[in-house]
Amino acid sequence: MMNYNDACHKAYDYFKDNLGVIGLSTATENDEKWFFSAGKDSDKRIGNVIISLSKETGNIEMVDLLSDEGYETLKVSHKVEISQEYLG
């Protein structure tokens, strides 16, 4: 089982290593996953990537915002505070 701080660290590293974006801008959760987007919260972004991390396994998946399932999953997730060290 992955804890929230480890999930933030993993998401931070994922965005930095794969997209060249430093910092997390949003974090939400449901019972099974955490969801993260990268960058500064004040930045205007088109086509921003959102990833999910499984609370059970820590596996990362891309969230398809164009699908009904992806959109609805995020719509019912709850906002989580991001530690200062991971903010963009």
C-alpha atoms as a PDB file:
ATOM      1  CA  MET A   1       0.000   0.000   0.000  1.00  0.00           C
ATOM      2  CA  MET A   2       1.398   3.399  -1.005  1.00  0.00           C
ATOM      3  CA  ASN A   3       1.084   6.406   1.309  1.00  0.00           C
ATOM      4  CA  TYR A   4       0.172   9.871   0.067  1.00  0.00           C
ATOM      5  CA  ASN A   5       3.618  11.446   0.493  1.00  0.00           C
ATOM      6  CA  ASP A   6       5.229   8.635  -1.536  1.00  0.00           C
ATOM      7  CA  ALA A   7       2.547   9.096  -4.209  1.00  0.00           C
ATOM      8  CA  CYS A   8       3.345  12.837  -4.432  1.00  0.00           C
ATOM      9  CA  HIS A   9       7.034  12.061  -4.798  1.00  0.00           C
ATOM     10  CA  LYS A  10       6.396   9.468  -7.499  1.00  0.00           C
ATOM     11  CA  ALA A  11       4.072  11.813  -9.428  1.00  0.00           C
ATOM     12  CA  TYR A  12       6.571  14.697  -9.103  1.00  0.00           C
ATOM     13  CA  ASP A  13       9.365  12.517 -10.510  1.00  0.00           C
ATOM     14  CA  TYR A  14       7.121  11.196 -13.293  1.00  0.00           C
ATOM     15  CA  PHE A  15       6.261  14.665 -14.568  1.00  0.00           C
ATOM     16  CA  LYS A  16       9.858  15.905 -14.236  1.00  0.00           C
ATOM     17  CA  ASP A  17      11.417  12.871 -15.975  1.00  0.00           C
ATOM     18  CA  ASN A  18       8.809  12.296 -18.692  1.00  0.00           C
ATOM     19  CA  LEU A  19       7.421  15.754 -19.455  1.00  0.00           C
ATOM     20  CA  GLY A  20      10.095  18.115 -18.171  1.00  0.00           C
ATOM     21  CA  VAL A  21       7.555  19.833 -15.915  1.00  0.00           C
ATOM     22  CA  ILE A  22       8.583  20.693 -12.364  1.00  0.00           C
ATOM     23  CA  GLY A  23       6.026  20.539  -9.567  1.00  0.00           C
ATOM     24  CA  LEU A  24       2.469  19.429  -8.967  1.00  0.00           C
ATOM     25  CA  SER A  25      -0.469  21.790  -9.421  1.00  0.00           C
ATOM     26  CA  THR A  26      -3.452  19.700  -8.332  1.00  0.00           C
ATOM     27  CA  ALA A  27      -4.078  16.549  -6.342  1.00  0.00           C
ATOM     28  CA  THR A  28      -7.368  14.742  -5.792  1.00  0.00           C
ATOM     29  CA  GLU A  29      -8.353  11.279  -4.617  1.00  0.00           C
ATOM     30  CA  ASN A  30     -11.046   8.667  -4.507  1.00  0.00           C
ATOM     31  CA  ASP A  31     -11.089   5.378  -2.596  1.00  0.00           C
ATOM     32  CA  GLU A  32      -8.713   3.614  -4.998  1.00  0.00           C
ATOM     33  CA  LYS A  33      -6.454   6.264  -6.564  1.00  0.00           C
ATOM     34  CA  TRP A  34      -4.770   9.640  -6.292  1.00  0.00           C
ATOM     35  CA  PHE A  35      -4.850  11.994  -9.303  1.00  0.00           C
ATOM     36  CA  PHE A  36      -2.189  14.588 -10.111  1.00  0.00           C
ATOM     37  CA  SER A  37      -1.543  17.303 -12.668  1.00  0.00           C
ATOM     38  CA  ALA A  38       1.757  19.146 -13.057  1.00  0.00           C
ATOM     39  CA  GLY A  39       3.025  22.690 -13.277  1.00  0.00           C
ATOM     40  CA  LYS A  40       2.095  25.869 -11.474  1.00  0.00           C
ATOM     41  CA  ASP A  41      -1.549  26.185 -10.504  1.00  0.00           C
ATOM     42  CA  SER A  42      -1.589  29.719 -11.951  1.00  0.00           C
ATOM     43  CA  ASP A  43      -0.336  28.611 -15.397  1.00  0.00           C
ATOM     44  CA  LYS A  44      -2.822  28.411 -18.239  1.00  0.00           C
ATOM     45  CA  ARG A  45      -2.520  24.974 -19.795  1.00  0.00           C
ATOM     46  CA  ILE A  46      -4.202  23.374 -22.756  1.00  0.00           C
ATOM     47  CA  GLY A  47      -4.076  19.608 -22.956  1.00  0.00           C
ATOM     48  CA  ASN A  48      -2.624  19.159 -19.479  1.00  0.00           C
ATOM     49  CA  VAL A  49      -1.816  15.588 -18.535  1.00  0.00           C
ATOM     50  CA  ILE A  50      -3.439  14.027 -15.486  1.00  0.00           C
ATOM     51  CA  ILE A  51      -2.093  10.809 -14.055  1.00  0.00           C
ATOM     52  CA  SER A  52      -3.544   8.423 -11.516  1.00  0.00           C
ATOM     53  CA  LEU A  53      -1.593   6.411  -8.969  1.00  0.00           C
ATOM     54  CA  SER A  54      -3.106   3.287  -7.492  1.00  0.00           C
ATOM     55  CA  LYS A  55      -3.178   3.419  -3.695  1.00  0.00           C
ATOM     56  CA  GLU A  56      -2.707  -0.341  -3.614  1.00  0.00           C
ATOM     57  CA  THR A  57       0.105  -0.861  -6.139  1.00  0.00           C
ATOM     58  CA  GLY A  58       1.520   2.593  -6.938  1.00  0.00           C
ATOM     59  CA  ASN A  59       1.041   1.971 -10.666  1.00  0.00           C
ATOM     60  CA  ILE A  60       0.747   5.103 -12.802  1.00  0.00           C
ATOM     61  CA  GLU A  61      -1.853   5.469 -15.548  1.00  0.00           C
ATOM     62  CA  MET A  62      -2.807   8.373 -17.774  1.00  0.00           C
ATOM     63  CA  VAL A  63      -6.355   9.668 -17.261  1.00  0.00           C
ATOM     64  CA  ASP A  64      -8.314  10.105 -20.492  1.00  0.00           C
ATOM     65  CA  LEU A  65     -10.240  13.335 -19.938  1.00  0.00           C
ATOM     66  CA  LEU A  66     -12.090  12.926 -23.219  1.00  0.00           C
ATOM     67  CA  SER A  67     -13.746   9.718 -22.069  1.00  0.00           C
ATOM     68  CA  ASP A  68     -16.891   9.729 -19.966  1.00  0.00           C
ATOM     69  CA  GLU A  69     -15.218   7.377 -17.485  1.00  0.00           C
ATOM     70  CA  GLY A  70     -12.143   9.585 -17.026  1.00  0.00           C
ATOM     71  CA  TYR A  71     -14.182  12.752 -16.693  1.00  0.00           C
ATOM     72  CA  GLU A  72     -16.663  11.252 -14.216  1.00  0.00           C
ATOM     73  CA  THR A  73     -13.877   9.699 -12.123  1.00  0.00           C
ATOM     74  CA  LEU A  74     -12.243  13.084 -11.655  1.00  0.00           C
ATOM     75  CA  LYS A  75     -15.553  14.871 -11.153  1.00  0.00           C
ATOM     76  CA  VAL A  76     -16.294  12.844  -8.000  1.00  0.00           C
ATOM     77  CA  SER A  77     -12.747  12.864  -6.606  1.00  0.00           C
ATOM     78  CA  HIS A  78     -11.896  15.033  -3.603  1.00  0.00           C
ATOM     79  CA  LYS A  79      -9.163  17.690  -3.447  1.00  0.00           C
ATOM     80  CA  VAL A  80      -6.065  16.904  -1.378  1.00  0.00           C
ATOM     81  CA  GLU A  81      -3.465  19.403  -0.124  1.00  0.00           C
ATOM     82  CA  ILE A  82      -0.056  19.225  -1.792  1.00  0.00           C
ATOM     83  CA  SER A  83       2.998  19.565   0.426  1.00  0.00           C
ATOM     84  CA  GLN A  84       5.038  22.720  -0.285  1.00  0.00           C
ATOM     85  CA  GLU A  85       8.033  20.666  -1.438  1.00  0.00           C
ATOM     86  CA  TYR A  86       6.061  19.274  -4.393  1.00  0.00           C
ATOM     87  CA  LEU A  87       4.271  22.442  -5.526  1.00  0.00           C
ATOM     88  CA  GLY A  88       5.110  23.914  -8.931  1.00  0.00           C
END
